[in-house]
C-alpha cells in the first residue's frame, strides 16, 4: 500500500505538557473531549471498544504509558482495516502542543478528509478548553 496523504492537526495548550498527557492518555477521558467518541470507550481486555456509528463497533489499542507523551493508537475497523493514529503531547514553552497526524483513508474524498481535519481540530480545541479551565480552577 502506498503511503496515505496525511495532515498534522495541532493546538497549543497553556498547561504543563505532563498534565496534558496524563489527562489525554487516559481512555476513560476521551469521551469528554473527542466528539466522535462522545459515548466513551468500554474496556475489553487490553483494548477498548467504541461505537463507530454506521461502521459498527471498533476496537482501539493504545500505546502504553510512557515518558515521551506518545498516545498513539490503532483503530481496528470491522472491515479489517487498521488505522494507525499518531498522537503526541510535547513540551511547548511552559505549555504543551497536542499534535494529531490525520491520514486520508482509502476511498475517502478530499471533502471527507477536510471534514475529518475540522473534527480533529474541534476535538483538540475542546481538550485545550478542558485543561486550561481546570488549570485556572487549580490556580484559584
N, C-alpha and C. Protein backbone atom coordinates (compact mmCIF):
# COMPACT_ATOMS: atom_id res chain seq x y z
N UNK A 1 0.85 -1.18 0.00
CA UNK A 1 0.00 0.00 0.00
C UNK A 1 0.89 1.24 0.00
N UNK A 2 0.57 2.18 -0.83
CA UNK A 2 1.28 3.46 -0.88
C UNK A 2 1.02 4.25 0.40
N UNK A 3 1.95 5.12 0.79
CA UNK A 3 1.68 5.99 1.94
C UNK A 3 0.43 6.83 1.68
N UNK A 4 -0.37 6.98 2.71
CA UNK A 4 -1.59 7.77 2.60
C UNK A 4 -1.28 9.25 2.80
N UNK A 5 -2.10 10.10 2.21
CA UNK A 5 -1.97 11.53 2.45
C UNK A 5 -2.18 11.76 3.95
N UNK A 6 -1.42 12.67 4.51
CA UNK A 6 -1.50 12.93 5.95
C UNK A 6 -1.45 14.43 6.22
N UNK A 7 -2.04 14.81 7.33
CA UNK A 7 -2.05 16.21 7.75
C UNK A 7 -1.91 16.27 9.26
N UNK A 8 -0.98 17.09 9.75
CA UNK A 8 -0.82 17.28 11.19
C UNK A 8 -1.80 18.35 11.65
N UNK A 9 -2.62 18.00 12.61
CA UNK A 9 -3.56 18.94 13.22
C UNK A 9 -3.05 19.15 14.64
N UNK A 10 -2.85 20.40 15.03
CA UNK A 10 -2.25 20.64 16.35
C UNK A 10 -2.80 21.91 16.99
N UNK A 11 -2.58 21.99 18.31
CA UNK A 11 -3.02 23.16 19.07
C UNK A 11 -2.12 23.31 20.30
N UNK A 12 -1.82 24.56 20.64
CA UNK A 12 -1.08 24.85 21.85
C UNK A 12 -2.03 24.89 23.04
N UNK A 13 -1.55 24.39 24.16
CA UNK A 13 -2.36 24.36 25.39
C UNK A 13 -1.54 24.97 26.51
N UNK A 14 -2.12 25.95 27.21
CA UNK A 14 -1.43 26.62 28.31
C UNK A 14 -1.56 25.77 29.59
N UNK A 15 -0.81 24.70 29.59
CA UNK A 15 -0.78 23.77 30.72
C UNK A 15 0.47 22.93 30.56
N UNK A 16 1.11 22.56 31.65
CA UNK A 16 2.30 21.73 31.57
C UNK A 16 2.01 20.48 30.73
N UNK A 17 2.93 20.15 29.84
CA UNK A 17 2.70 19.05 28.91
C UNK A 17 2.44 17.73 29.62
N UNK A 18 3.04 17.54 30.78
CA UNK A 18 2.85 16.29 31.51
C UNK A 18 1.41 16.16 32.02
N UNK A 19 0.80 17.30 32.41
CA UNK A 19 -0.59 17.27 32.85
C UNK A 19 -1.53 17.00 31.67
N UNK A 20 -1.20 17.59 30.52
CA UNK A 20 -2.00 17.34 29.31
C UNK A 20 -1.91 15.87 28.93
N UNK A 21 -0.70 15.33 28.93
CA UNK A 21 -0.51 13.92 28.60
C UNK A 21 -1.27 13.03 29.59
N UNK A 22 -1.15 13.30 30.88
CA UNK A 22 -1.80 12.47 31.90
C UNK A 22 -3.31 12.41 31.68
N UNK A 23 -3.90 13.53 31.27
CA UNK A 23 -5.35 13.56 31.03
C UNK A 23 -5.70 12.90 29.70
N UNK A 24 -5.02 13.32 28.63
CA UNK A 24 -5.39 12.86 27.29
C UNK A 24 -5.07 11.38 27.06
N UNK A 25 -4.09 10.83 27.76
CA UNK A 25 -3.69 9.44 27.56
C UNK A 25 -4.65 8.45 28.22
N UNK A 26 -5.55 8.93 29.04
CA UNK A 26 -6.49 8.03 29.73
C UNK A 26 -7.70 7.78 28.85
N UNK A 27 -7.89 6.58 28.35
CA UNK A 27 -9.04 6.29 27.50
C UNK A 27 -10.37 6.68 28.16
N UNK A 28 -10.43 6.62 29.49
CA UNK A 28 -11.66 6.97 30.21
C UNK A 28 -12.04 8.44 29.99
N UNK A 29 -11.08 9.29 29.65
CA UNK A 29 -11.36 10.72 29.46
C UNK A 29 -11.72 11.09 28.03
N UNK A 30 -11.50 10.21 27.09
CA UNK A 30 -11.67 10.56 25.68
C UNK A 30 -13.09 11.03 25.36
N UNK A 31 -14.08 10.42 25.96
CA UNK A 31 -15.46 10.83 25.71
C UNK A 31 -15.74 12.27 26.09
N UNK A 32 -14.91 12.84 26.97
CA UNK A 32 -15.11 14.24 27.40
C UNK A 32 -14.67 15.23 26.33
N UNK A 33 -13.74 14.83 25.46
CA UNK A 33 -13.21 15.81 24.52
C UNK A 33 -13.24 15.39 23.05
N UNK A 34 -13.42 14.12 22.75
CA UNK A 34 -13.46 13.67 21.37
C UNK A 34 -14.92 13.40 20.97
N UNK A 35 -15.48 14.27 20.17
CA UNK A 35 -16.90 14.21 19.82
C UNK A 35 -17.30 12.88 19.19
N UNK A 36 -16.44 12.33 18.35
CA UNK A 36 -16.76 11.07 17.69
C UNK A 36 -16.89 9.91 18.67
N UNK A 37 -16.36 10.09 19.86
CA UNK A 37 -16.43 9.06 20.88
C UNK A 37 -17.18 9.58 22.10
N UNK A 38 -18.20 10.38 21.84
CA UNK A 38 -18.96 11.01 22.91
C UNK A 38 -19.54 10.03 23.90
N UNK A 39 -19.85 8.82 23.42
CA UNK A 39 -20.38 7.80 24.33
C UNK A 39 -19.28 7.18 25.16
N UNK A 40 -18.03 7.51 24.81
CA UNK A 40 -16.92 6.98 25.57
C UNK A 40 -16.51 5.60 25.09
N UNK A 41 -15.57 5.04 25.81
CA UNK A 41 -15.00 3.74 25.46
C UNK A 41 -15.29 2.73 26.56
N UNK A 42 -15.31 1.47 26.18
CA UNK A 42 -15.51 0.38 27.13
C UNK A 42 -14.29 -0.52 27.07
N UNK A 43 -13.75 -0.83 28.24
CA UNK A 43 -12.55 -1.69 28.28
C UNK A 43 -12.94 -3.10 27.86
N UNK A 44 -12.04 -3.72 27.06
CA UNK A 44 -12.20 -5.10 26.65
C UNK A 44 -10.81 -5.73 26.67
N UNK A 45 -10.42 -6.27 27.81
CA UNK A 45 -9.07 -6.80 27.97
C UNK A 45 -8.08 -5.65 27.89
N UNK A 46 -7.02 -5.80 27.09
CA UNK A 46 -6.03 -4.72 26.98
C UNK A 46 -6.48 -3.59 26.05
N UNK A 47 -7.57 -3.82 25.31
CA UNK A 47 -8.06 -2.85 24.33
C UNK A 47 -9.32 -2.16 24.83
N UNK A 48 -9.84 -1.29 23.97
CA UNK A 48 -11.05 -0.54 24.27
C UNK A 48 -11.99 -0.66 23.08
N UNK A 49 -13.29 -0.64 23.34
CA UNK A 49 -14.30 -0.72 22.29
C UNK A 49 -15.05 0.60 22.22
N UNK A 50 -15.40 0.98 20.99
CA UNK A 50 -16.17 2.21 20.78
C UNK A 50 -17.21 1.95 19.72
N UNK A 51 -18.32 2.65 19.83
CA UNK A 51 -19.36 2.58 18.81
C UNK A 51 -18.90 3.45 17.65
N UNK A 52 -18.63 2.84 16.52
CA UNK A 52 -18.18 3.57 15.34
C UNK A 52 -19.32 4.04 14.48
N UNK A 53 -20.52 4.17 15.05
CA UNK A 53 -21.67 4.64 14.27
C UNK A 53 -22.01 3.65 13.17
N UNK A 54 -22.14 4.14 11.94
CA UNK A 54 -22.52 3.24 10.85
C UNK A 54 -21.46 2.18 10.55
N UNK A 55 -20.24 2.39 11.03
CA UNK A 55 -19.17 1.42 10.80
C UNK A 55 -19.27 0.21 11.72
N UNK A 56 -20.02 0.34 12.80
CA UNK A 56 -20.11 -0.74 13.78
C UNK A 56 -19.14 -0.49 14.93
N UNK A 57 -18.90 -1.52 15.71
CA UNK A 57 -18.00 -1.41 16.85
C UNK A 57 -16.55 -1.48 16.38
N UNK A 58 -15.75 -0.55 16.88
CA UNK A 58 -14.32 -0.55 16.56
C UNK A 58 -13.53 -0.88 17.82
N UNK A 59 -12.41 -1.54 17.63
CA UNK A 59 -11.50 -1.89 18.72
C UNK A 59 -10.31 -0.95 18.64
N UNK A 60 -9.91 -0.41 19.79
CA UNK A 60 -8.81 0.54 19.83
C UNK A 60 -7.73 0.01 20.77
N UNK A 61 -6.51 -0.04 20.24
CA UNK A 61 -5.34 -0.46 21.02
C UNK A 61 -4.46 0.75 21.22
N UNK A 62 -4.22 1.13 22.47
CA UNK A 62 -3.43 2.31 22.81
C UNK A 62 -2.00 1.94 23.17
N UNK A 63 -1.09 2.85 22.87
CA UNK A 63 0.29 2.72 23.34
C UNK A 63 0.25 2.74 24.87
N UNK A 64 1.18 2.05 25.48
CA UNK A 64 1.25 2.05 26.93
C UNK A 64 1.77 3.38 27.46
N UNK A 65 1.58 3.56 28.76
CA UNK A 65 2.07 4.78 29.41
C UNK A 65 3.56 4.91 29.15
N UNK A 66 4.00 6.14 28.89
CA UNK A 66 5.41 6.36 28.56
C UNK A 66 5.81 7.78 28.93
N UNK A 67 7.11 8.05 29.05
CA UNK A 67 7.57 9.38 29.45
C UNK A 67 7.74 10.35 28.28
N UNK A 68 7.28 9.96 27.09
CA UNK A 68 7.53 10.76 25.89
C UNK A 68 6.30 11.49 25.35
N UNK A 69 5.15 11.32 25.97
CA UNK A 69 3.94 12.00 25.51
C UNK A 69 3.28 11.33 24.32
N UNK A 70 3.59 10.06 24.09
CA UNK A 70 3.04 9.33 22.94
C UNK A 70 1.71 8.70 23.33
N UNK A 71 0.66 9.03 22.56
CA UNK A 71 -0.67 8.46 22.77
C UNK A 71 -1.13 7.80 21.47
N UNK A 72 -0.21 7.20 20.77
CA UNK A 72 -0.56 6.53 19.52
C UNK A 72 -1.58 5.44 19.80
N UNK A 73 -2.41 5.16 18.80
CA UNK A 73 -3.39 4.10 18.94
C UNK A 73 -3.75 3.56 17.56
N UNK A 74 -4.15 2.31 17.56
CA UNK A 74 -4.58 1.64 16.33
C UNK A 74 -6.07 1.38 16.46
N UNK A 75 -6.82 1.82 15.45
CA UNK A 75 -8.26 1.57 15.40
C UNK A 75 -8.48 0.40 14.44
N UNK A 76 -9.04 -0.67 14.97
CA UNK A 76 -9.32 -1.87 14.19
C UNK A 76 -10.77 -1.77 13.71
N UNK A 77 -10.95 -1.51 12.42
CA UNK A 77 -12.27 -1.35 11.85
C UNK A 77 -12.91 -2.73 11.61
N UNK A 78 -14.25 -2.81 11.63
CA UNK A 78 -14.92 -4.08 11.35
C UNK A 78 -14.54 -4.67 9.98
N UNK A 79 -14.16 -3.81 9.04
CA UNK A 79 -13.77 -4.27 7.70
C UNK A 79 -12.42 -4.98 7.70
N UNK A 80 -11.67 -4.87 8.81
CA UNK A 80 -10.33 -5.43 8.88
C UNK A 80 -9.25 -4.38 8.70
N UNK A 81 -9.62 -3.20 8.23
CA UNK A 81 -8.66 -2.11 8.08
C UNK A 81 -8.15 -1.69 9.46
N UNK A 82 -6.84 -1.49 9.56
CA UNK A 82 -6.24 -0.99 10.79
C UNK A 82 -5.75 0.42 10.52
N UNK A 83 -6.26 1.37 11.29
CA UNK A 83 -5.88 2.77 11.14
C UNK A 83 -4.93 3.13 12.27
N UNK A 84 -3.70 3.45 11.91
CA UNK A 84 -2.67 3.82 12.88
C UNK A 84 -2.72 5.33 13.09
N UNK A 85 -3.07 5.75 14.28
CA UNK A 85 -3.17 7.17 14.61
C UNK A 85 -1.99 7.59 15.48
N UNK A 86 -1.23 8.55 15.00
CA UNK A 86 -0.11 9.09 15.77
C UNK A 86 -0.61 10.34 16.50
N UNK A 87 -0.48 10.33 17.81
CA UNK A 87 -0.96 11.43 18.65
C UNK A 87 0.10 11.69 19.70
N UNK A 88 0.57 12.92 19.78
CA UNK A 88 1.64 13.28 20.70
C UNK A 88 1.27 14.51 21.51
N UNK A 89 1.74 14.53 22.73
CA UNK A 89 1.71 15.72 23.56
C UNK A 89 3.18 16.05 23.82
N UNK A 90 3.62 17.23 23.38
CA UNK A 90 5.03 17.59 23.51
C UNK A 90 5.15 18.93 24.23
N UNK A 91 6.29 19.16 24.89
CA UNK A 91 6.51 20.45 25.53
C UNK A 91 6.54 21.57 24.48
N UNK A 92 5.96 22.71 24.85
CA UNK A 92 5.99 23.91 24.01
C UNK A 92 6.08 25.09 24.97
N UNK A 93 7.28 25.60 25.20
CA UNK A 93 7.47 26.64 26.21
C UNK A 93 7.08 26.08 27.56
N UNK A 94 6.27 26.85 28.31
CA UNK A 94 5.77 26.37 29.60
C UNK A 94 4.50 25.55 29.44
N UNK A 95 4.03 25.39 28.22
CA UNK A 95 2.80 24.67 27.95
C UNK A 95 3.05 23.40 27.17
N UNK A 96 2.08 23.08 26.32
CA UNK A 96 2.12 21.85 25.55
C UNK A 96 1.61 22.10 24.14
N UNK A 97 1.98 21.21 23.25
CA UNK A 97 1.42 21.18 21.91
C UNK A 97 0.84 19.78 21.75
N UNK A 98 -0.45 19.71 21.40
CA UNK A 98 -1.11 18.44 21.11
C UNK A 98 -1.11 18.29 19.60
N UNK A 99 -0.52 17.21 19.10
CA UNK A 99 -0.34 17.00 17.67
C UNK A 99 -0.95 15.66 17.27
N UNK A 100 -1.90 15.72 16.34
CA UNK A 100 -2.55 14.51 15.83
C UNK A 100 -2.27 14.41 14.35
N UNK A 101 -1.73 13.29 13.89
CA UNK A 101 -1.47 13.09 12.48
C UNK A 101 -2.66 12.36 11.87
N UNK A 102 -3.42 13.09 11.07
CA UNK A 102 -4.62 12.56 10.43
C UNK A 102 -4.23 11.99 9.07
N UNK A 103 -4.67 10.78 8.77
CA UNK A 103 -4.40 10.17 7.47
C UNK A 103 -5.69 10.05 6.67
N UNK A 104 -5.53 10.24 5.37
CA UNK A 104 -6.67 10.10 4.45
C UNK A 104 -6.81 8.62 4.10
N UNK A 105 -7.91 8.03 4.52
CA UNK A 105 -8.12 6.60 4.34
C UNK A 105 -8.48 6.27 2.89
N UNK A 106 -8.24 5.05 2.49
CA UNK A 106 -8.60 4.64 1.13
C UNK A 106 -10.09 4.90 0.86
N UNK A 107 -10.38 5.48 -0.29
CA UNK A 107 -11.77 5.76 -0.66
C UNK A 107 -12.34 7.05 -0.09
N UNK A 108 -11.58 7.75 0.73
CA UNK A 108 -12.05 8.99 1.35
C UNK A 108 -11.86 10.15 0.38
N UNK A 109 -12.91 10.93 0.18
CA UNK A 109 -12.82 12.08 -0.72
C UNK A 109 -12.04 13.21 -0.04
N UNK A 110 -11.60 14.15 -0.85
CA UNK A 110 -10.91 15.33 -0.31
C UNK A 110 -11.80 16.06 0.67
N UNK A 111 -13.08 16.15 0.34
CA UNK A 111 -14.04 16.84 1.22
C UNK A 111 -14.17 16.10 2.56
N UNK A 112 -14.24 14.77 2.52
CA UNK A 112 -14.34 14.00 3.76
C UNK A 112 -13.07 14.15 4.59
N UNK A 113 -11.92 14.18 3.93
CA UNK A 113 -10.65 14.35 4.63
C UNK A 113 -10.61 15.71 5.32
N UNK A 114 -11.04 16.75 4.64
CA UNK A 114 -11.07 18.09 5.24
C UNK A 114 -12.06 18.15 6.39
N UNK A 115 -13.19 17.47 6.26
CA UNK A 115 -14.16 17.44 7.36
C UNK A 115 -13.57 16.71 8.56
N UNK A 116 -12.87 15.61 8.32
CA UNK A 116 -12.19 14.91 9.42
C UNK A 116 -11.19 15.84 10.10
N UNK A 117 -10.44 16.61 9.31
CA UNK A 117 -9.45 17.54 9.87
C UNK A 117 -10.14 18.59 10.74
N UNK A 118 -11.29 19.08 10.28
CA UNK A 118 -12.05 20.06 11.08
C UNK A 118 -12.53 19.43 12.40
N UNK A 119 -12.96 18.17 12.33
CA UNK A 119 -13.43 17.49 13.54
C UNK A 119 -12.29 17.27 14.53
N UNK A 120 -11.14 16.87 14.03
CA UNK A 120 -9.97 16.69 14.91
C UNK A 120 -9.58 18.02 15.54
N UNK A 121 -9.59 19.09 14.75
CA UNK A 121 -9.27 20.42 15.28
C UNK A 121 -10.26 20.82 16.38
N UNK A 122 -11.55 20.53 16.17
CA UNK A 122 -12.56 20.84 17.19
C UNK A 122 -12.34 20.01 18.45
N UNK A 123 -11.97 18.74 18.27
CA UNK A 123 -11.69 17.88 19.43
C UNK A 123 -10.50 18.42 20.23
N UNK A 124 -9.44 18.80 19.52
CA UNK A 124 -8.26 19.33 20.21
C UNK A 124 -8.58 20.65 20.90
N UNK A 125 -9.46 21.47 20.29
CA UNK A 125 -9.87 22.73 20.93
C UNK A 125 -10.64 22.44 22.22
N UNK A 126 -11.45 21.40 22.22
CA UNK A 126 -12.18 21.01 23.43
C UNK A 126 -11.21 20.51 24.50
N UNK A 127 -10.21 19.72 24.09
CA UNK A 127 -9.18 19.26 25.03
C UNK A 127 -8.49 20.46 25.67
N UNK A 128 -8.13 21.42 24.85
CA UNK A 128 -7.49 22.65 25.33
C UNK A 128 -8.39 23.36 26.34
N UNK A 129 -9.65 23.52 25.99
CA UNK A 129 -10.60 24.22 26.87
C UNK A 129 -10.70 23.53 28.22
N UNK A 130 -10.86 22.22 28.20
CA UNK A 130 -10.99 21.48 29.45
C UNK A 130 -9.74 21.66 30.32
N UNK A 131 -8.57 21.47 29.73
CA UNK A 131 -7.34 21.53 30.52
C UNK A 131 -7.01 22.92 30.98
N UNK A 132 -7.26 23.94 30.17
CA UNK A 132 -6.98 25.29 30.61
C UNK A 132 -7.97 25.76 31.68
N UNK A 133 -9.24 25.35 31.56
CA UNK A 133 -10.21 25.72 32.59
C UNK A 133 -9.89 25.01 33.91
N UNK A 134 -9.52 23.74 33.85
CA UNK A 134 -9.16 23.03 35.08
C UNK A 134 -7.91 23.63 35.70
N UNK A 135 -6.97 24.05 34.86
CA UNK A 135 -5.74 24.68 35.35
C UNK A 135 -6.07 25.98 36.08
N UNK A 136 -6.97 26.78 35.51
CA UNK A 136 -7.36 28.03 36.16
C UNK A 136 -8.03 27.74 37.49
N UNK A 137 -8.86 26.69 37.53
CA UNK A 137 -9.53 26.35 38.78
C UNK A 137 -8.50 25.92 39.84
N UNK A 138 -7.46 25.21 39.42
CA UNK A 138 -6.42 24.77 40.37
C UNK A 138 -5.63 25.95 40.91
N UNK A 139 -5.46 26.98 40.06
CA UNK A 139 -4.66 28.15 40.46
C UNK A 139 -5.42 29.12 41.34
N UNK A 140 -6.74 29.00 41.36
CA UNK A 140 -7.58 29.96 42.12
C UNK A 140 -7.48 29.73 43.60
